[in-house]
Amino acid sequence: IPLAELRQYADGPLDDFPLVRRGNRLSVMPVTPEQWEF
């Protein structure tokens, strides 16, 4: 599941997902249950 595809949902189901935020360099990040399922 490519990052480019995940970014398509940055203004929807993945709006709080740190990975789709520009400039996020963290190698470890939390995922909500809703984000996980999506």
PDB file of all heavy atoms in Angstrom:
ATOM      1  N   ILE A   1       0.888  -1.174   0.000  1.00  0.00           N
ATOM      2  CA  ILE A   1       0.000   0.000   0.000  1.00  0.00           C
ATOM      3  C   ILE A   1       0.921   1.217   0.000  1.00  0.00           C
ATOM      4  O   ILE A   1       1.519   1.548   1.028  1.00  0.00           O
ATOM      5  CB  ILE A   1      -0.942   0.001   1.210  1.00  0.00           C
ATOM      6  CG1 ILE A   1      -1.776  -1.285   1.228  1.00  0.00           C
ATOM      7  CG2 ILE A   1      -1.840   1.239   1.165  1.00  0.00           C
ATOM      8  CD1 ILE A   1      -2.616  -1.476   2.474  1.00  0.00           C
ATOM      9  N   PRO A   2       1.074   1.860  -1.167  1.00  0.00           N
ATOM     10  CA  PRO A   2       2.058   2.937  -1.275  1.00  0.00           C
ATOM     11  C   PRO A   2       1.656   4.202  -0.518  1.00  0.00           C
ATOM     12  O   PRO A   2       0.471   4.508  -0.349  1.00  0.00           O
ATOM     13  CB  PRO A   2       2.136   3.219  -2.778  1.00  0.00           C
ATOM     14  CG  PRO A   2       1.064   2.452  -3.427  1.00  0.00           C
ATOM     15  CD  PRO A   2       0.409   1.571  -2.418  1.00  0.00           C
ATOM     16  N   LEU A   3       2.673   4.938  -0.100  1.00  0.00           N
ATOM     17  CA  LEU A   3       2.457   6.194   0.595  1.00  0.00           C
ATOM     18  C   LEU A   3       1.593   7.140  -0.237  1.00  0.00           C
ATOM     19  O   LEU A   3       0.708   7.803   0.299  1.00  0.00           O
ATOM     20  CB  LEU A   3       3.801   6.856   0.929  1.00  0.00           C
ATOM     21  CG  LEU A   3       3.737   8.231   1.590  1.00  0.00           C
ATOM     22  CD1 LEU A   3       2.970   8.177   2.910  1.00  0.00           C
ATOM     23  CD2 LEU A   3       5.144   8.765   1.803  1.00  0.00           C
ATOM     24  N   ALA A   4       1.822   7.186  -1.544  1.00  0.00           N
ATOM     25  CA  ALA A   4       1.033   8.079  -2.405  1.00  0.00           C
ATOM     26  C   ALA A   4      -0.457   7.761  -2.305  1.00  0.00           C
ATOM     27  O   ALA A   4      -1.293   8.666  -2.286  1.00  0.00           O
ATOM     28  CB  ALA A   4       1.512   7.979  -3.845  1.00  0.00           C
ATOM     29  N   GLU A   5      -0.799   6.490  -2.229  1.00  0.00           N
ATOM     30  CA  GLU A   5      -2.201   6.107  -2.087  1.00  0.00           C
ATOM     31  C   GLU A   5      -2.741   6.510  -0.714  1.00  0.00           C
ATOM     32  O   GLU A   5      -3.854   7.030  -0.597  1.00  0.00           O
ATOM     33  CB  GLU A   5      -2.360   4.602  -2.294  1.00  0.00           C
ATOM     34  CG  GLU A   5      -3.793   4.127  -2.191  1.00  0.00           C
ATOM     35  CD  GLU A   5      -3.938   2.629  -2.434  1.00  0.00           C
ATOM     36  OE1 GLU A   5      -2.992   1.997  -2.961  1.00  0.00           O
ATOM     37  OE2 GLU A   5      -5.005   2.099  -2.085  1.00  0.00           O
ATOM     38  N   LEU A   6      -1.957   6.298   0.324  1.00  0.00           N
ATOM     39  CA  LEU A   6      -2.386   6.667   1.668  1.00  0.00           C
ATOM     40  C   LEU A   6      -2.632   8.173   1.776  1.00  0.00           C
ATOM     41  O   LEU A   6      -3.572   8.607   2.435  1.00  0.00           O
ATOM     42  CB  LEU A   6      -1.353   6.220   2.703  1.00  0.00           C
ATOM     43  CG  LEU A   6      -1.179   4.705   2.841  1.00  0.00           C
ATOM     44  CD1 LEU A   6       0.073   4.396   3.640  1.00  0.00           C
ATOM     45  CD2 LEU A   6      -2.407   4.075   3.464  1.00  0.00           C
ATOM     46  N   ARG A   7      -1.799   8.950   1.099  1.00  0.00           N
ATOM     47  CA  ARG A   7      -1.955  10.416   1.147  1.00  0.00           C
ATOM     48  C   ARG A   7      -3.272  10.877   0.528  1.00  0.00           C
ATOM     49  O   ARG A   7      -3.755  11.960   0.846  1.00  0.00           O
ATOM     50  CB  ARG A   7      -0.775  11.094   0.463  1.00  0.00           C
ATOM     51  CG  ARG A   7       0.453  11.101   1.332  1.00  0.00           C
ATOM     52  CD  ARG A   7       1.510  12.046   0.795  1.00  0.00           C
ATOM     53  NE  ARG A   7       2.578  12.169   1.752  1.00  0.00           N
ATOM     54  CZ  ARG A   7       3.871  12.113   1.445  1.00  0.00           C
ATOM     55  NH1 ARG A   7       4.250  11.944   0.190  1.00  0.00           N
ATOM     56  NH2 ARG A   7       4.780  12.239   2.379  1.00  0.00           N
ATOM     57  N   GLN A   8      -3.853  10.077  -0.346  1.00  0.00           N
ATOM     58  CA  GLN A   8      -5.142  10.440  -0.946  1.00  0.00           C
ATOM     59  C   GLN A   8      -6.240  10.547   0.108  1.00  0.00           C
ATOM     60  O   GLN A   8      -7.262  11.178  -0.132  1.00  0.00           O
ATOM     61  CB  GLN A   8      -5.554   9.411  -1.996  1.00  0.00           C
ATOM     62  CG  GLN A   8      -4.664   9.348  -3.198  1.00  0.00           C
ATOM     63  CD  GLN A   8      -5.047   8.207  -4.125  1.00  0.00           C
ATOM     64  OE1 GLN A   8      -6.075   7.555  -3.964  1.00  0.00           O
ATOM     65  NE2 GLN A   8      -4.208   7.962  -5.126  1.00  0.00           N
ATOM     66  N   TYR A   9      -6.028   9.920   1.258  1.00  0.00           N
ATOM     67  CA  TYR A   9      -7.034   9.895   2.316  1.00  0.00           C
ATOM     68  C   TYR A   9      -6.675  10.823   3.480  1.00  0.00           C
ATOM     69  O   TYR A   9      -7.262  10.736   4.553  1.00  0.00           O
ATOM     70  CB  TYR A   9      -7.220   8.458   2.825  1.00  0.00           C
ATOM     71  CG  TYR A   9      -7.612   7.514   1.723  1.00  0.00           C
ATOM     72  CD1 TYR A   9      -6.679   6.648   1.160  1.00  0.00           C
ATOM     73  CD2 TYR A   9      -8.913   7.501   1.223  1.00  0.00           C
ATOM     74  CE1 TYR A   9      -7.038   5.784   0.130  1.00  0.00           C
ATOM     75  CE2 TYR A   9      -9.275   6.644   0.197  1.00  0.00           C
ATOM     76  CZ  TYR A   9      -8.331   5.789  -0.339  1.00  0.00           C
ATOM     77  OH  TYR A   9      -8.695   4.944  -1.360  1.00  0.00           O
ATOM     78  N   ALA A  10      -5.701  11.720   3.250  1.00  0.00           N
ATOM     79  CA  ALA A  10      -5.234  12.619   4.314  1.00  0.00           C
ATOM     80  C   ALA A  10      -6.309  13.605   4.760  1.00  0.00           C
ATOM     81  O   ALA A  10      -6.251  14.106   5.879  1.00  0.00           O
ATOM     82  CB  ALA A  10      -3.983  13.364   3.867  1.00  0.00           C
ATOM     83  N   ASP A  11      -7.258  13.905   3.907  1.00  0.00           N
ATOM     84  CA  ASP A  11      -8.356  14.798   4.284  1.00  0.00           C
ATOM     85  C   ASP A  11      -9.615  14.011   4.606  1.00  0.00           C
ATOM     86  O   ASP A  11     -10.715  14.539   4.542  1.00  0.00           O
ATOM     87  CB  ASP A  11      -8.638  15.805   3.156  1.00  0.00           C
ATOM     88  CG  ASP A  11      -7.513  16.800   2.995  1.00  0.00           C
ATOM     89  OD1 ASP A  11      -6.884  17.158   4.016  1.00  0.00           O
ATOM     90  OD2 ASP A  11      -7.248  17.212   1.854  1.00  0.00           O
ATOM     91  N   GLY A  12      -9.443  12.751   4.944  1.00  0.00           N
ATOM     92  CA  GLY A  12     -10.581  11.891   5.267  1.00  0.00           C
ATOM     93  C   GLY A  12     -10.223  10.946   6.386  1.00  0.00           C
ATOM     94  O   GLY A  12      -9.797  11.384   7.461  1.00  0.00           O
ATOM     95  N   PRO A  13     -10.317   9.641   6.111  1.00  0.00           N
ATOM     96  CA  PRO A  13     -10.105   8.649   7.177  1.00  0.00           C
ATOM     97  C   PRO A  13      -8.704   8.664   7.797  1.00  0.00           C
ATOM     98  O   PRO A  13      -8.522   8.187   8.905  1.00  0.00           O
ATOM     99  CB  PRO A  13     -10.351   7.306   6.487  1.00  0.00           C
ATOM    100  CG  PRO A  13     -10.981   7.607   5.183  1.00  0.00           C
ATOM    101  CD  PRO A  13     -10.698   9.023   4.851  1.00  0.00           C
ATOM    102  N   LEU A  14      -7.723   9.220   7.101  1.00  0.00           N
ATOM    103  CA  LEU A  14      -6.350   9.229   7.623  1.00  0.00           C
ATOM    104  C   LEU A  14      -5.894  10.648   7.974  1.00  0.00           C
ATOM    105  O   LEU A  14      -4.688  10.932   8.006  1.00  0.00           O
ATOM    106  CB  LEU A  14      -5.393   8.587   6.617  1.00  0.00           C
ATOM    107  CG  LEU A  14      -5.673   7.117   6.282  1.00  0.00           C
ATOM    108  CD1 LEU A  14      -4.665   6.594   5.263  1.00  0.00           C
ATOM    109  CD2 LEU A  14      -5.680   6.253   7.531  1.00  0.00           C
ATOM    110  N   ASP A  15      -6.841  11.538   8.288  1.00  0.00           N
ATOM    111  CA  ASP A  15      -6.467  12.932   8.531  1.00  0.00           C
ATOM    112  C   ASP A  15      -5.561  13.114   9.742  1.00  0.00           C
ATOM    113  O   ASP A  15      -4.756  14.033   9.769  1.00  0.00           O
ATOM    114  CB  ASP A  15      -7.692  13.835   8.618  1.00  0.00           C
ATOM    115  CG  ASP A  15      -8.610  13.501   9.780  1.00  0.00           C
ATOM    116  OD1 ASP A  15      -8.483  12.416  10.365  1.00  0.00           O
ATOM    117  OD2 ASP A  15      -9.468  14.337  10.100  1.00  0.00           O
ATOM    118  N   ASP A  16      -5.643  12.252  10.732  1.00  0.00           N
ATOM    119  CA  ASP A  16      -4.770  12.357  11.910  1.00  0.00           C
ATOM    120  C   ASP A  16      -3.622  11.354  11.876  1.00  0.00           C
ATOM    121  O   ASP A  16      -2.915  11.195  12.868  1.00  0.00           O
ATOM    122  CB  ASP A  16      -5.581  12.119  13.200  1.00  0.00           C
ATOM    123  CG  ASP A  16      -6.511  13.271  13.500  1.00  0.00           C
ATOM    124  OD1 ASP A  16      -6.249  14.393  13.050  1.00  0.00           O
ATOM    125  OD2 ASP A  16      -7.513  13.041  14.205  1.00  0.00           O
ATOM    126  N   PHE A  17      -3.419  10.686  10.759  1.00  0.00           N
ATOM    127  CA  PHE A  17      -2.381   9.664  10.651  1.00  0.00           C
ATOM    128  C   PHE A  17      -1.038  10.358  10.408  1.00  0.00           C
ATOM    129  O   PHE A  17      -0.848  11.022   9.384  1.00  0.00           O
ATOM    130  CB  PHE A  17      -2.725   8.724   9.504  1.00  0.00           C
ATOM    131  CG  PHE A  17      -1.896   7.485   9.421  1.00  0.00           C
ATOM    132  CD1 PHE A  17      -1.529   6.779  10.553  1.00  0.00           C
ATOM    133  CD2 PHE A  17      -1.499   6.995   8.187  1.00  0.00           C
ATOM    134  CE1 PHE A  17      -0.782   5.608  10.468  1.00  0.00           C
ATOM    135  CE2 PHE A  17      -0.751   5.832   8.085  1.00  0.00           C
ATOM    136  CZ  PHE A  17      -0.389   5.142   9.223  1.00  0.00           C
ATOM    137  N   PRO A  18      -0.077  10.231  11.338  1.00  0.00           N
ATOM    138  CA  PRO A  18       1.190  10.969  11.202  1.00  0.00           C
ATOM    139  C   PRO A  18       1.936  10.689   9.898  1.00  0.00           C
ATOM    140  O   PRO A  18       2.602  11.579   9.372  1.00  0.00           O
ATOM    141  CB  PRO A  18       2.007  10.500  12.412  1.00  0.00           C
ATOM    142  CG  PRO A  18       1.024   9.968  13.388  1.00  0.00           C
ATOM    143  CD  PRO A  18      -0.134   9.451  12.579  1.00  0.00           C
ATOM    144  N   LEU A  19       1.830   9.498   9.364  1.00  0.00           N
ATOM    145  CA  LEU A  19       2.585   9.138   8.157  1.00  0.00           C
ATOM    146  C   LEU A  19       2.253  10.032   6.975  1.00  0.00           C
ATOM    147  O   LEU A  19       3.124  10.318   6.153  1.00  0.00           O
ATOM    148  CB  LEU A  19       2.314   7.672   7.792  1.00  0.00           C
ATOM    149  CG  LEU A  19       3.068   7.144   6.581  1.00  0.00           C
ATOM    150  CD1 LEU A  19       4.559   7.017   6.895  1.00  0.00           C
ATOM    151  CD2 LEU A  19       2.508   5.806   6.131  1.00  0.00           C
ATOM    152  N   VAL A  20       1.015  10.464   6.844  1.00  0.00           N
ATOM    153  CA  VAL A  20       0.620  11.235   5.660  1.00  0.00           C
ATOM    154  C   VAL A  20       0.889  12.729   5.820  1.00  0.00           C
ATOM    155  O   VAL A  20       0.646  13.500   4.898  1.00  0.00           O
ATOM    156  CB  VAL A  20      -0.859  10.974   5.270  1.00  0.00           C
ATOM    157  CG1 VAL A  20      -1.071   9.513   4.931  1.00  0.00           C
ATOM    158  CG2 VAL A  20      -1.822  11.419   6.357  1.00  0.00           C
ATOM    159  N   ARG A  21       1.389  13.143   6.964  1.00  0.00           N
ATOM    160  CA  ARG A  21       1.768  14.553   7.156  1.00  0.00           C
ATOM    161  C   ARG A  21       3.130  14.800   6.511  1.00  0.00           C
ATOM    162  O   ARG A  21       4.071  14.032   6.726  1.00  0.00           O
ATOM    163  CB  ARG A  21       1.838  14.886   8.643  1.00  0.00           C
ATOM    164  CG  ARG A  21       0.493  14.897   9.292  1.00  0.00           C
ATOM    165  CD  ARG A  21       0.612  15.448  10.723  1.00  0.00           C
ATOM    166  NE  ARG A  21      -0.484  14.915  11.506  1.00  0.00           N
ATOM    167  CZ  ARG A  21      -0.372  14.335  12.675  1.00  0.00           C
ATOM    168  NH1 ARG A  21       0.816  14.211  13.244  1.00  0.00           N
ATOM    169  NH2 ARG A  21      -1.415  13.878  13.312  1.00  0.00           N
ATOM    170  N   ARG A  22       3.217  15.857   5.770  1.00  0.00           N
ATOM    171  CA  ARG A  22       4.490  16.215   5.123  1.00  0.00           C
ATOM    172  C   ARG A  22       5.567  16.430   6.181  1.00  0.00           C
ATOM    173  O   ARG A  22       5.311  17.008   7.236  1.00  0.00           O
ATOM    174  CB  ARG A  22       4.330  17.494   4.305  1.00  0.00           C
ATOM    175  CG  ARG A  22       3.402  17.314   3.127  1.00  0.00           C
ATOM    176  CD  ARG A  22       4.177  16.921   1.913  1.00  0.00           C
ATOM    177  NE  ARG A  22       3.244  16.765   0.793  1.00  0.00           N
ATOM    178  CZ  ARG A  22       3.368  15.821  -0.115  1.00  0.00           C
ATOM    179  NH1 ARG A  22       4.355  14.967  -0.042  1.00  0.00           N
ATOM    180  NH2 ARG A  22       2.515  15.732  -1.092  1.00  0.00           N
ATOM    181  N   GLY A  23       6.762  15.935   5.889  1.00  0.00           N
ATOM    182  CA  GLY A  23       7.891  16.165   6.773  1.00  0.00           C
ATOM    183  C   GLY A  23       7.972  15.246   7.977  1.00  0.00           C
ATOM    184  O   GLY A  23       8.873  15.379   8.788  1.00  0.00           O
ATOM    185  N   ASN A  24       7.044  14.296   8.110  1.00  0.00           N
ATOM    186  CA  ASN A  24       7.108  13.390   9.259  1.00  0.00           C
ATOM    187  C   ASN A  24       8.226  12.384   9.039  1.00  0.00           C
ATOM    188  O   ASN A  24       8.204  11.620   8.091  1.00  0.00           O
ATOM    189  CB  ASN A  24       5.779  12.668   9.464  1.00  0.00           C
ATOM    190  CG  ASN A  24       5.783  11.876  10.755  1.00  0.00           C
ATOM    191  OD1 ASN A  24       6.674  11.086  11.006  1.00  0.00           O
ATOM    192  ND2 ASN A  24       4.792  12.109  11.583  1.00  0.00           N
ATOM    193  N   ARG A  25       9.208  12.390   9.916  1.00  0.00           N
ATOM    194  CA  ARG A  25      10.371  11.517   9.760  1.00  0.00           C
ATOM    195  C   ARG A  25      10.449  10.441  10.837  1.00  0.00           C
ATOM    196  O   ARG A  25      11.417   9.704  10.891  1.00  0.00           O
ATOM    197  CB  ARG A  25      11.658  12.360   9.792  1.00  0.00           C
ATOM    198  CG  ARG A  25      11.672  13.527   8.844  1.00  0.00           C
ATOM    199  CD  ARG A  25      12.347  13.302   7.544  1.00  0.00           C
ATOM    200  NE  ARG A  25      13.619  12.641   7.692  1.00  0.00           N
ATOM    201  CZ  ARG A  25      14.084  11.792   6.782  1.00  0.00           C
ATOM    202  NH1 ARG A  25      13.411  11.518   5.723  1.00  0.00           N
ATOM    203  NH2 ARG A  25      15.254  11.218   6.951  1.00  0.00           N
ATOM    204  N   LEU A  26       9.451  10.364  11.712  1.00  0.00           N
ATOM    205  CA  LEU A  26       9.503   9.372  12.782  1.00  0.00           C
ATOM    206  C   LEU A  26       9.491   7.953  12.213  1.00  0.00           C
ATOM    207  O   LEU A  26       8.736   7.648  11.297  1.00  0.00           O
ATOM    208  CB  LEU A  26       8.323   9.531  13.735  1.00  0.00           C
ATOM    209  CG  LEU A  26       8.442  10.609  14.792  1.00  0.00           C
ATOM    210  CD1 LEU A  26       7.186  10.632  15.643  1.00  0.00           C
ATOM    211  CD2 LEU A  26       9.660  10.391  15.668  1.00  0.00           C
ATOM    212  N   SER A  27      10.296   7.090  12.802  1.00  0.00           N
ATOM    213  CA  SER A  27      10.353   5.693  12.355  1.00  0.00           C
ATOM    214  C   SER A  27       9.352   4.814  13.092  1.00  0.00           C
ATOM    215  O   SER A  27       9.140   3.666  12.711  1.00  0.00           O
ATOM    216  CB  SER A  27      11.758   5.141  12.550  1.00  0.00           C
ATOM    217  OG  SER A  27      12.104   5.173  13.920  1.00  0.00           O
ATOM    218  N   VAL A  28       8.756   5.349  14.152  1.00  0.00           N
ATOM    219  CA  VAL A  28       7.753   4.635  14.946  1.00  0.00           C
ATOM    220  C   VAL A  28       6.608   5.606  15.178  1.00  0.00           C
ATOM    221  O   VAL A  28       6.846   6.752  15.560  1.00  0.00           O
ATOM    222  CB  VAL A  28       8.331   4.188  16.310  1.00  0.00           C
ATOM    223  CG1 VAL A  28       7.263   3.548  17.176  1.00  0.00           C
ATOM    224  CG2 VAL A  28       9.509   3.248  16.123  1.00  0.00           C
ATOM    225  N   MET A  29       5.387   5.169  14.927  1.00  0.00           N
ATOM    226  CA  MET A  29       4.246   6.058  15.167  1.00  0.00           C
ATOM    227  C   MET A  29       3.008   5.253  15.520  1.00  0.00           C
ATOM    228  O   MET A  29       2.857   4.108  15.079  1.00  0.00           O
ATOM    229  CB  MET A  29       3.994   6.964  13.966  1.00  0.00           C
ATOM    230  CG  MET A  29       3.683   6.256  12.681  1.00  0.00           C
ATOM    231  SD  MET A  29       3.719   7.344  11.232  1.00  0.00           S
ATOM    232  CE  MET A  29       5.447   7.729  11.098  1.00  0.00           C
ATOM    233  N   PRO A  30       2.136   5.849  16.330  1.00  0.00           N
ATOM    234  CA  PRO A  30       0.911   5.148  16.701  1.00  0.00           C
ATOM    235  C   PRO A  30      -0.086   5.133  15.556  1.00  0.00           C
ATOM    236  O   PRO A  30      -0.083   6.008  14.687  1.00  0.00           O
ATOM    237  CB  PRO A  30       0.382   5.973  17.875  1.00  0.00           C
ATOM    238  CG  PRO A  30       0.933   7.338  17.651  1.00  0.00           C
ATOM    239  CD  PRO A  30       2.268   7.146  16.970  1.00  0.00           C
ATOM    240  N   VAL A  31      -0.951   4.126  15.576  1.00  0.00           N
ATOM    241  CA  VAL A  31      -2.027   3.971  14.599  1.00  0.00           C
ATOM    242  C   VAL A  31      -3.300   3.727  15.405  1.00  0.00           C
ATOM    243  O   VAL A  31      -3.315   2.864  16.292  1.00  0.00           O
ATOM    244  CB  VAL A  31      -1.751   2.768  13.661  1.00  0.00           C
ATOM    245  CG1 VAL A  31      -2.880   2.577  12.660  1.00  0.00           C
ATOM    246  CG2 VAL A  31      -0.404   2.918  12.956  1.00  0.00           C
ATOM    247  N   THR A  32      -4.354   4.460  15.105  1.00  0.00           N
ATOM    248  CA  THR A  32      -5.614   4.235  15.813  1.00  0.00           C
ATOM    249  C   THR A  32      -6.273   2.966  15.289  1.00  0.00           C
ATOM    250  O   THR A  32      -5.988   2.531  14.161  1.00  0.00           O
ATOM    251  CB  THR A  32      -6.595   5.415  15.642  1.00  0.00           C
ATOM    252  OG1 THR A  32      -7.016   5.452  14.267  1.00  0.00           O
ATOM    253  CG2 THR A  32      -5.969   6.740  16.065  1.00  0.00           C
ATOM    254  N   PRO A  33      -7.169   2.359  16.060  1.00  0.00           N
ATOM    255  CA  PRO A  33      -7.893   1.183  15.548  1.00  0.00           C
ATOM    256  C   PRO A  33      -8.643   1.482  14.254  1.00  0.00           C
ATOM    257  O   PRO A  33      -8.682   0.642  13.347  1.00  0.00           O
ATOM    258  CB  PRO A  33      -8.854   0.830  16.684  1.00  0.00           C
ATOM    259  CG  PRO A  33      -8.192   1.359  17.916  1.00  0.00           C
ATOM    260  CD  PRO A  33      -7.484   2.622  17.477  1.00  0.00           C
ATOM    261  N   GLU A  34      -9.207   2.674  14.135  1.00  0.00           N
ATOM    262  CA  GLU A  34      -9.938   3.040  12.912  1.00  0.00           C
ATOM    263  C   GLU A  34      -8.986   3.142  11.717  1.00  0.00           C
ATOM    264  O   GLU A  34      -9.322   2.681  10.617  1.00  0.00           O
ATOM    265  CB  GLU A  34     -10.675   4.374  13.120  1.00  0.00           C
ATOM    266  CG  GLU A  34     -11.766   4.324  14.170  1.00  0.00           C
ATOM    267  CD  GLU A  34     -11.254   4.401  15.617  1.00  0.00           C
ATOM    268  OE1 GLU A  34     -10.091   4.819  15.852  1.00  0.00           O
ATOM    269  OE2 GLU A  34     -12.017   4.023  16.520  1.00  0.00           O
ATOM    270  N   GLN A  35      -7.818   3.735  11.925  1.00  0.00           N
ATOM    271  CA  GLN A  35      -6.829   3.831  10.850  1.00  0.00           C
ATOM    272  C   GLN A  35      -6.346   2.441  10.450  1.00  0.00           C
ATOM    273  O   GLN A  35      -6.189   2.136   9.263  1.00  0.00           O
ATOM    274  CB  GLN A  35      -5.650   4.699  11.294  1.00  0.00           C
ATOM    275  CG  GLN A  35      -6.016   6.155  11.485  1.00  0.00           C
ATOM    276  CD  GLN A  35      -4.989   6.926  12.295  1.00  0.00           C
ATOM    277  OE1 GLN A  35      -4.126   6.358  12.968  1.00  0.00           O
ATOM    278  NE2 GLN A  35      -5.091   8.248  12.262  1.00  0.00           N
ATOM    279  N   TRP A  36      -6.104   1.590  11.444  1.00  0.00           N
ATOM    280  CA  TRP A  36      -5.658   0.220  11.198  1.00  0.00           C
ATOM    281  C   TRP A  36      -6.657  -0.511  10.293  1.00  0.00           C
ATOM    282  O   TRP A  36      -6.282  -1.096   9.279  1.00  0.00           O
ATOM    283  CB  TRP A  36      -5.502  -0.503  12.532  1.00  0.00           C
ATOM    284  CG  TRP A  36      -5.089  -1.930  12.440  1.00  0.00           C
ATOM    285  CD1 TRP A  36      -5.913  -3.015  12.341  1.00  0.00           C
ATOM    286  CD2 TRP A  36      -3.755  -2.451  12.429  1.00  0.00           C
ATOM    287  NE1 TRP A  36      -5.173  -4.164  12.284  1.00  0.00           N
ATOM    288  CE2 TRP A  36      -3.850  -3.849  12.341  1.00  0.00           C
ATOM    289  CE3 TRP A  36      -2.502  -1.862  12.514  1.00  0.00           C
ATOM    290  CZ2 TRP A  36      -2.731  -4.668  12.308  1.00  0.00           C
ATOM    291  CZ3 TRP A  36      -1.378  -2.683  12.488  1.00  0.00           C
ATOM    292  CH2 TRP A  36      -1.504  -4.068  12.385  1.00  0.00           C
ATOM    293  N   GLU A  37      -7.922  -0.466  10.666  1.00  0.00           N
ATOM    294  CA  GLU A  37      -8.962  -1.150   9.886  1.00  0.00           C
ATOM    295  C   GLU A  37      -9.071  -0.569   8.473  1.00  0.00           C
ATOM    296  O   GLU A  37      -9.198  -1.310   7.502  1.00  0.00           O
ATOM    297  CB  GLU A  37     -10.319  -1.064  10.602  1.00  0.00           C
ATOM    298  CG  GLU A  37     -10.377  -1.850  11.896  1.00  0.00           C
ATOM    299  CD  GLU A  37     -10.141  -3.347  11.731  1.00  0.00           C
ATOM    300  OE1 GLU A  37     -10.582  -3.915  10.705  1.00  0.00           O
ATOM    301  OE2 GLU A  37      -9.504  -3.942  12.607  1.00  0.00           O
ATOM    302  N   PHE A  38      -9.017   0.750   8.359  1.00  0.00           N
ATOM    303  CA  PHE A  38      -9.110   1.391   7.063  1.00  0.00           C
ATOM    304  C   PHE A  38      -7.958   0.962   6.164  1.00  0.00           C
ATOM    305  O   PHE A  38      -8.154   0.593   4.999  1.00  0.00           O
ATOM    306  CB  PHE A  38      -9.147   2.920   7.201  1.00  0.00           C
ATOM    307  CG  PHE A  38      -9.255   3.618   5.890  1.00  0.00           C
ATOM    308  CD1 PHE A  38     -10.476   3.752   5.251  1.00  0.00           C
ATOM    309  CD2 PHE A  38      -8.115   4.116   5.256  1.00  0.00           C
ATOM    310  CE1 PHE A  38     -10.582   4.369   4.005  1.00  0.00           C
ATOM    311  CE2 PHE A  38      -8.198   4.732   4.017  1.00  0.00           C
ATOM    312  CZ  PHE A  38      -9.433   4.864   3.387  1.00  0.00           C
TER     313      PHE A  38
END
